Amino acid sequence: MGSELIIIPVIFGAVFGVFYLYFSTRNKERLALIEKGADASIFMKGKQHTAPIWKVIILNLALLLMGIGLGTFIASLLDNYTTLDSDAIYPATIFFTAGVGLFIGFNMTKNLDKD
């Protein structure tokens, strides 16, 4: 009964701790670089040639959904025309083709960054 009261504050405390450590460490590192006279352009180094995030999300989501649809279709064909276990065919082909779709999306995202 009492464990429910402890779990939620622990989860929120852990999330807060991770964000606090991330932002405070990043701030201290930047202040140390500024004190040493480093150029401020190093903070924006990785943000100059990246594709907009909405393009990446839409591309990966579209390929993921196409992979799930293709996996369902292939699983249906395998279920109807083979003697394989239908309980194993559907999850296996759906996860496989969804993974292939995400891998293709990763490679296409790299090509978006080059353009």
N, C-alpha and C. Protein backbone atom coordinates (compact mmCIF):
# COMPACT_ATOMS: atom_id res chain seq x y z
N MET A 1 0.82 -1.19 0.00
CA MET A 1 0.00 0.00 0.00
C MET A 1 0.86 1.26 0.00
N GLY A 2 1.92 1.26 0.80
CA GLY A 2 2.75 2.45 0.89
C GLY A 2 3.71 2.61 -0.26
N SER A 3 3.93 1.53 -1.03
CA SER A 3 4.91 1.61 -2.12
C SER A 3 4.42 2.51 -3.25
N GLU A 4 3.11 2.64 -3.42
CA GLU A 4 2.61 3.51 -4.47
C GLU A 4 2.94 4.96 -4.18
N LEU A 5 3.00 5.31 -2.92
CA LEU A 5 3.30 6.68 -2.55
C LEU A 5 4.78 7.01 -2.74
N ILE A 6 5.62 6.02 -2.78
CA ILE A 6 7.06 6.24 -2.91
C ILE A 6 7.49 6.24 -4.37
N ILE A 7 6.86 5.44 -5.20
CA ILE A 7 7.32 5.26 -6.57
C ILE A 7 7.22 6.54 -7.39
N ILE A 8 6.11 7.25 -7.32
CA ILE A 8 5.92 8.44 -8.16
C ILE A 8 6.92 9.54 -7.82
N PRO A 9 7.16 9.89 -6.54
CA PRO A 9 8.18 10.90 -6.27
C PRO A 9 9.59 10.46 -6.70
N VAL A 10 9.87 9.18 -6.61
CA VAL A 10 11.19 8.69 -7.04
C VAL A 10 11.35 8.86 -8.55
N ILE A 11 10.32 8.56 -9.30
CA ILE A 11 10.38 8.73 -10.76
C ILE A 11 10.56 10.20 -11.12
N PHE A 12 9.75 11.07 -10.52
CA PHE A 12 9.90 12.50 -10.81
C PHE A 12 11.25 13.02 -10.36
N GLY A 13 11.74 12.56 -9.23
CA GLY A 13 13.06 12.98 -8.75
C GLY A 13 14.17 12.53 -9.68
N ALA A 14 14.07 11.33 -10.22
CA ALA A 14 15.09 10.83 -11.14
C ALA A 14 15.09 11.63 -12.43
N VAL A 15 13.92 11.92 -12.97
CA VAL A 15 13.84 12.72 -14.20
C VAL A 15 14.39 14.12 -13.95
N PHE A 16 14.00 14.74 -12.84
CA PHE A 16 14.52 16.06 -12.51
C PHE A 16 16.03 16.03 -12.34
N GLY A 17 16.55 15.01 -11.68
CA GLY A 17 17.99 14.90 -11.47
C GLY A 17 18.77 14.78 -12.78
N VAL A 18 18.25 14.01 -13.71
CA VAL A 18 18.94 13.85 -15.00
C VAL A 18 18.97 15.18 -15.74
N PHE A 19 17.84 15.87 -15.81
CA PHE A 19 17.81 17.15 -16.51
C PHE A 19 18.68 18.20 -15.80
N TYR A 20 18.63 18.22 -14.48
CA TYR A 20 19.44 19.18 -13.74
C TYR A 20 20.92 18.95 -13.98
N LEU A 21 21.36 17.72 -13.91
CA LEU A 21 22.77 17.43 -14.16
C LEU A 21 23.17 17.78 -15.59
N TYR A 22 22.33 17.48 -16.54
CA TYR A 22 22.64 17.78 -17.94
C TYR A 22 22.82 19.29 -18.15
N PHE A 23 21.85 20.07 -17.71
CA PHE A 23 21.90 21.50 -17.97
C PHE A 23 22.96 22.21 -17.13
N SER A 24 23.15 21.79 -15.89
CA SER A 24 24.17 22.45 -15.07
C SER A 24 25.57 22.12 -15.58
N THR A 25 25.81 20.90 -15.99
CA THR A 25 27.12 20.53 -16.53
C THR A 25 27.40 21.26 -17.83
N ARG A 26 26.39 21.34 -18.70
CA ARG A 26 26.57 22.04 -19.97
C ARG A 26 26.87 23.51 -19.73
N ASN A 27 26.20 24.12 -18.76
CA ASN A 27 26.42 25.52 -18.46
C ASN A 27 27.84 25.74 -17.92
N LYS A 28 28.29 24.86 -17.03
CA LYS A 28 29.64 24.99 -16.47
C LYS A 28 30.71 24.83 -17.55
N GLU A 29 30.51 23.89 -18.46
CA GLU A 29 31.48 23.69 -19.54
C GLU A 29 31.54 24.92 -20.44
N ARG A 30 30.40 25.48 -20.76
CA ARG A 30 30.39 26.67 -21.63
C ARG A 30 31.02 27.86 -20.94
N LEU A 31 30.74 28.04 -19.66
CA LEU A 31 31.37 29.15 -18.94
C LEU A 31 32.88 28.99 -18.87
N ALA A 32 33.35 27.76 -18.69
CA ALA A 32 34.80 27.52 -18.65
C ALA A 32 35.44 27.83 -20.00
N LEU A 33 34.77 27.47 -21.09
CA LEU A 33 35.31 27.76 -22.42
C LEU A 33 35.32 29.26 -22.69
N ILE A 34 34.28 29.95 -22.26
CA ILE A 34 34.23 31.40 -22.47
C ILE A 34 35.32 32.09 -21.66
N GLU A 35 35.59 31.64 -20.44
CA GLU A 35 36.64 32.23 -19.62
C GLU A 35 38.01 32.04 -20.25
N LYS A 36 38.19 30.94 -20.96
CA LYS A 36 39.47 30.69 -21.62
C LYS A 36 39.60 31.44 -22.94
N GLY A 37 38.53 32.08 -23.38
CA GLY A 37 38.58 32.86 -24.60
C GLY A 37 38.22 32.09 -25.85
N ALA A 38 37.53 30.99 -25.72
CA ALA A 38 37.12 30.20 -26.88
C ALA A 38 36.04 30.95 -27.67
N ASP A 39 35.98 30.69 -28.95
CA ASP A 39 35.00 31.33 -29.81
C ASP A 39 33.61 30.76 -29.53
N ALA A 40 32.59 31.59 -29.54
CA ALA A 40 31.23 31.15 -29.23
C ALA A 40 30.62 30.33 -30.36
N SER A 41 31.23 30.33 -31.53
CA SER A 41 30.65 29.58 -32.65
C SER A 41 30.76 28.07 -32.46
N ILE A 42 31.58 27.61 -31.53
CA ILE A 42 31.68 26.16 -31.32
C ILE A 42 30.42 25.59 -30.71
N PHE A 43 29.59 26.44 -30.09
CA PHE A 43 28.34 25.95 -29.51
C PHE A 43 27.30 25.67 -30.58
N MET A 44 27.40 26.29 -31.73
CA MET A 44 26.45 26.09 -32.81
C MET A 44 27.03 25.22 -33.91
N LYS A 45 28.08 24.49 -33.61
CA LYS A 45 28.80 23.71 -34.62
C LYS A 45 27.93 22.65 -35.28
N GLY A 46 27.15 21.88 -34.53
CA GLY A 46 26.38 20.78 -35.09
C GLY A 46 25.04 21.18 -35.65
N LYS A 47 24.63 22.43 -35.52
CA LYS A 47 23.29 22.83 -35.91
C LYS A 47 23.24 23.55 -37.25
N GLN A 48 24.32 23.57 -38.00
CA GLN A 48 24.34 24.36 -39.21
C GLN A 48 23.83 23.60 -40.43
N HIS A 49 24.14 22.34 -40.57
CA HIS A 49 23.83 21.62 -41.80
C HIS A 49 22.88 20.44 -41.57
N THR A 50 21.98 20.56 -40.64
CA THR A 50 21.05 19.46 -40.40
C THR A 50 19.71 19.75 -41.05
N ALA A 51 19.02 18.69 -41.40
CA ALA A 51 17.69 18.81 -42.00
C ALA A 51 16.69 19.20 -40.91
N PRO A 52 15.62 19.88 -41.28
CA PRO A 52 14.59 20.21 -40.28
C PRO A 52 14.03 18.94 -39.65
N ILE A 53 13.76 19.01 -38.36
CA ILE A 53 13.34 17.83 -37.61
C ILE A 53 11.99 17.31 -38.10
N TRP A 54 11.12 18.18 -38.59
CA TRP A 54 9.82 17.70 -39.04
C TRP A 54 9.96 16.82 -40.28
N LYS A 55 10.94 17.12 -41.13
CA LYS A 55 11.15 16.27 -42.31
C LYS A 55 11.63 14.88 -41.89
N VAL A 56 12.50 14.83 -40.92
CA VAL A 56 13.03 13.55 -40.45
C VAL A 56 11.93 12.72 -39.80
N ILE A 57 11.10 13.36 -38.98
CA ILE A 57 10.01 12.64 -38.29
C ILE A 57 9.00 12.11 -39.30
N ILE A 58 8.60 12.95 -40.25
CA ILE A 58 7.61 12.51 -41.24
C ILE A 58 8.16 11.38 -42.10
N LEU A 59 9.42 11.50 -42.52
CA LEU A 59 10.04 10.46 -43.34
C LEU A 59 10.09 9.13 -42.60
N ASN A 60 10.58 9.15 -41.36
CA ASN A 60 10.68 7.91 -40.60
C ASN A 60 9.32 7.34 -40.23
N LEU A 61 8.36 8.20 -39.91
CA LEU A 61 7.03 7.71 -39.59
C LEU A 61 6.36 7.09 -40.80
N ALA A 62 6.53 7.72 -41.97
CA ALA A 62 5.93 7.18 -43.19
C ALA A 62 6.54 5.82 -43.53
N LEU A 63 7.85 5.71 -43.44
CA LEU A 63 8.49 4.43 -43.75
C LEU A 63 8.16 3.36 -42.71
N LEU A 64 8.01 3.77 -41.45
CA LEU A 64 7.61 2.80 -40.42
C LEU A 64 6.21 2.26 -40.70
N LEU A 65 5.27 3.14 -41.02
CA LEU A 65 3.90 2.69 -41.29
C LEU A 65 3.83 1.85 -42.56
N MET A 66 4.62 2.22 -43.58
CA MET A 66 4.66 1.40 -44.80
C MET A 66 5.25 0.02 -44.48
N GLY A 67 6.25 -0.03 -43.61
CA GLY A 67 6.83 -1.31 -43.22
C GLY A 67 5.85 -2.18 -42.46
N ILE A 68 5.06 -1.57 -41.58
CA ILE A 68 4.04 -2.33 -40.84
C ILE A 68 2.98 -2.86 -41.80
N GLY A 69 2.55 -2.03 -42.74
CA GLY A 69 1.56 -2.49 -43.72
C GLY A 69 2.09 -3.61 -44.59
N LEU A 70 3.33 -3.46 -45.05
CA LEU A 70 3.94 -4.51 -45.88
C LEU A 70 4.12 -5.79 -45.06
N GLY A 71 4.49 -5.66 -43.81
CA GLY A 71 4.65 -6.84 -42.95
C GLY A 71 3.35 -7.57 -42.73
N THR A 72 2.26 -6.83 -42.55
CA THR A 72 0.94 -7.45 -42.40
C THR A 72 0.53 -8.18 -43.67
N PHE A 73 0.79 -7.56 -44.83
CA PHE A 73 0.45 -8.17 -46.10
C PHE A 73 1.26 -9.46 -46.32
N ILE A 74 2.57 -9.40 -46.07
CA ILE A 74 3.41 -10.59 -46.26
C ILE A 74 3.01 -11.69 -45.28
N ALA A 75 2.69 -11.30 -44.05
CA ALA A 75 2.26 -12.30 -43.06
C ALA A 75 0.95 -12.95 -43.48
N SER A 76 0.05 -12.19 -44.05
CA SER A 76 -1.21 -12.76 -44.52
C SER A 76 -0.97 -13.76 -45.65
N LEU A 77 -0.07 -13.41 -46.58
CA LEU A 77 0.26 -14.33 -47.65
C LEU A 77 0.90 -15.61 -47.11
N LEU A 78 1.83 -15.47 -46.18
CA LEU A 78 2.48 -16.64 -45.61
C LEU A 78 1.50 -17.50 -44.82
N ASP A 79 0.58 -16.85 -44.15
CA ASP A 79 -0.40 -17.60 -43.37
C ASP A 79 -1.34 -18.40 -44.27
N ASN A 80 -1.72 -17.83 -45.40
CA ASN A 80 -2.66 -18.51 -46.29
C ASN A 80 -2.01 -19.58 -47.16
N TYR A 81 -0.77 -19.39 -47.56
CA TYR A 81 -0.16 -20.29 -48.55
C TYR A 81 0.93 -21.18 -48.00
N THR A 82 1.20 -21.15 -46.71
CA THR A 82 2.19 -22.06 -46.12
C THR A 82 1.58 -22.72 -44.89
N THR A 83 2.31 -23.66 -44.34
CA THR A 83 1.84 -24.35 -43.13
C THR A 83 2.54 -23.83 -41.89
N LEU A 84 3.12 -22.63 -41.96
CA LEU A 84 3.79 -22.04 -40.81
C LEU A 84 2.79 -21.63 -39.75
N ASP A 85 3.26 -21.51 -38.52
CA ASP A 85 2.40 -21.14 -37.39
C ASP A 85 1.99 -19.67 -37.52
N SER A 86 0.70 -19.43 -37.58
CA SER A 86 0.22 -18.05 -37.79
C SER A 86 0.48 -17.16 -36.59
N ASP A 87 0.61 -17.75 -35.39
CA ASP A 87 0.90 -16.94 -34.20
C ASP A 87 2.30 -16.35 -34.25
N ALA A 88 3.20 -16.98 -34.96
CA ALA A 88 4.57 -16.49 -35.05
C ALA A 88 4.82 -15.66 -36.30
N ILE A 89 4.05 -15.89 -37.34
CA ILE A 89 4.30 -15.20 -38.62
C ILE A 89 4.00 -13.71 -38.50
N TYR A 90 2.87 -13.35 -37.95
CA TYR A 90 2.46 -11.95 -37.93
C TYR A 90 3.44 -11.05 -37.17
N PRO A 91 3.77 -11.34 -35.92
CA PRO A 91 4.71 -10.43 -35.24
C PRO A 91 6.09 -10.42 -35.89
N ALA A 92 6.54 -11.57 -36.35
CA ALA A 92 7.89 -11.64 -36.92
C ALA A 92 8.00 -10.79 -38.19
N THR A 93 7.06 -10.94 -39.09
CA THR A 93 7.17 -10.17 -40.34
C THR A 93 6.87 -8.69 -40.12
N ILE A 94 5.96 -8.37 -39.22
CA ILE A 94 5.67 -6.96 -38.96
C ILE A 94 6.89 -6.27 -38.35
N PHE A 95 7.50 -6.88 -37.34
CA PHE A 95 8.68 -6.26 -36.73
C PHE A 95 9.86 -6.21 -37.70
N PHE A 96 10.01 -7.23 -38.50
CA PHE A 96 11.12 -7.24 -39.45
C PHE A 96 10.97 -6.14 -40.49
N THR A 97 9.81 -6.04 -41.11
CA THR A 97 9.64 -5.04 -42.15
C THR A 97 9.59 -3.62 -41.56
N ALA A 98 9.09 -3.47 -40.34
CA ALA A 98 9.14 -2.15 -39.69
C ALA A 98 10.59 -1.75 -39.43
N GLY A 99 11.41 -2.69 -39.00
CA GLY A 99 12.84 -2.41 -38.80
C GLY A 99 13.54 -2.07 -40.10
N VAL A 100 13.20 -2.77 -41.17
CA VAL A 100 13.78 -2.46 -42.48
C VAL A 100 13.36 -1.06 -42.91
N GLY A 101 12.10 -0.70 -42.66
CA GLY A 101 11.63 0.64 -43.00
C GLY A 101 12.37 1.72 -42.23
N LEU A 102 12.61 1.49 -40.94
CA LEU A 102 13.35 2.46 -40.14
C LEU A 102 14.81 2.55 -40.57
N PHE A 103 15.39 1.43 -40.96
CA PHE A 103 16.77 1.45 -41.46
C PHE A 103 16.87 2.24 -42.76
N ILE A 104 15.92 2.05 -43.65
CA ILE A 104 15.88 2.82 -44.90
C ILE A 104 15.68 4.30 -44.58
N GLY A 105 14.82 4.60 -43.60
CA GLY A 105 14.60 5.98 -43.19
C GLY A 105 15.86 6.61 -42.62
N PHE A 106 16.65 5.84 -41.88
CA PHE A 106 17.92 6.34 -41.35
C PHE A 106 18.87 6.70 -42.49
N ASN A 107 18.96 5.83 -43.47
CA ASN A 107 19.84 6.11 -44.61
C ASN A 107 19.34 7.30 -45.43
N MET A 108 18.03 7.43 -45.58
CA MET A 108 17.49 8.57 -46.32
C MET A 108 17.68 9.87 -45.54
N THR A 109 17.66 9.81 -44.20
CA THR A 109 17.91 10.99 -43.38
C THR A 109 19.35 11.46 -43.54
N LYS A 110 20.28 10.51 -43.65
CA LYS A 110 21.67 10.91 -43.90
C LYS A 110 21.78 11.63 -45.23
N ASN A 111 21.03 11.20 -46.23
CA ASN A 111 21.04 11.87 -47.53
C ASN A 111 20.40 13.25 -47.46
N LEU A 112 19.39 13.43 -46.59
CA LEU A 112 18.79 14.75 -46.41
C LEU A 112 19.80 15.73 -45.82
N ASP A 113 20.65 15.25 -44.91
CA ASP A 113 21.64 16.11 -44.29
C ASP A 113 22.69 16.56 -45.30
N LYS A 114 22.96 15.75 -46.30
CA LYS A 114 23.96 16.12 -47.32
C LYS A 114 23.46 17.22 -48.24
N ASP A 115 22.15 17.25 -48.46
CA ASP A 115 21.59 18.26 -49.38
C ASP A 115 21.52 19.63 -48.78
